Amino acid sequence: MELRLQGAAKLLSEELTEVVQEIGNGFKTAATQVNNMMVSLEKTTTSYRDVLTKNTPTQATAFVKNSTVDPRTQAREGIWLRQILLDFEGGPANPELHTMTNPGIITLTNNALQEIDCPEEYKIVGITKLRKGSLLFEANCTDAAKWISMDNKFMSTFDSSAILRRRQYPVIIHFAPTTFDPTSVFEIDQVEEDNNIERRQLSGTRWIKPIERRQNPDQKVAYLSAKFSMPEAVNTAIGHGLLVGETWLTVVKSMCKLIWRRDAAPVERPTRLKDAKAATTTASLLVRRAMLSGIRAAQPLWRSAHK
């Protein structure tokens, strides 16, 4: 009887030992998994500072590095930055451009680039013929487009009547002082100097509502419309504001579908505004259908309206 009891006790002891070992191994496995999860969270968790740093583009193409932007948007914006628009005053000096095929024009363009000692890696890879005879080139990279746009020798070598049409980036400046004269070249140059903007980057400045149509002659501030020639300059203005005189002003990108001023030539039918009355009642309704927005996270600061 005692032998049986000793055998049962020994068997029970062995079983208990195995159960304790399994429980211990389970605890060790759980602890290892929890530790791995904590390490993974430390790697993937983004701090508030990192979010601000990531979503604040410092370059014109910063949005391309942000994976949260739709790939189609990235591709479209990248193409815009690589495009170069050439127009011809009175038609091209070379009449063969009218009948030449796209591959032929690309070859002619790249030959012209070689003649002006252009870097070998800069090439034209695409071209689109527009209705009025203009040519829209696409370079192989953004740096190539910038280099070609800044070199006046290319235009004269390619065609003597070629004119570079720079892409304009329209913005709205909020609460600009009415003492500012948007038609004065001196004052515009002063704004560019105060904001460290290259000369002739700011253009097309005008009051959205004409001075003679203001209800209050003693009005101190008003909305100002302007255009920038370079994406870096407009993105800096949107991100940091614009110093006009001694006041920092808010700058937002303009999303106006149609700018139809009352003092402009009459148009029978607006092309993009369905309600003609809303466009002609008062000049203040010009921005009624405008979507004015500032910086939006994970999106480019300015998106071109030229499609």
Foldseek 3Di string as FASTA:
>chain_A
DVVVVVVVVVVVVVVVVVVVVVVVVVVVVVVVVVVVVVVVCVVPDDDPVRQVVQQQDQDQLSLLVQPVDDVVQSVVSFQVLQKWKKDFDVAFPDVCLVVDDFVVLQVLLQVLCVVVVHPPQKGWDGWDQDDVGMIMTGIPGNVSSVVVVVDPSSQCSSTVRIDTDFAKFKKKWFFAFPVDDLVDLVQVVVQCVVLVHDPPQKDDKDFLADQVPDPDVPDTTGMIMIIGRDSSVLSCCLVFATQRPNDGIHMWTKQQPDRDAQPDDDDPDDPPDPDVCLNHVHSVSRCVVIDTDGRDGSDRRTDGPPD
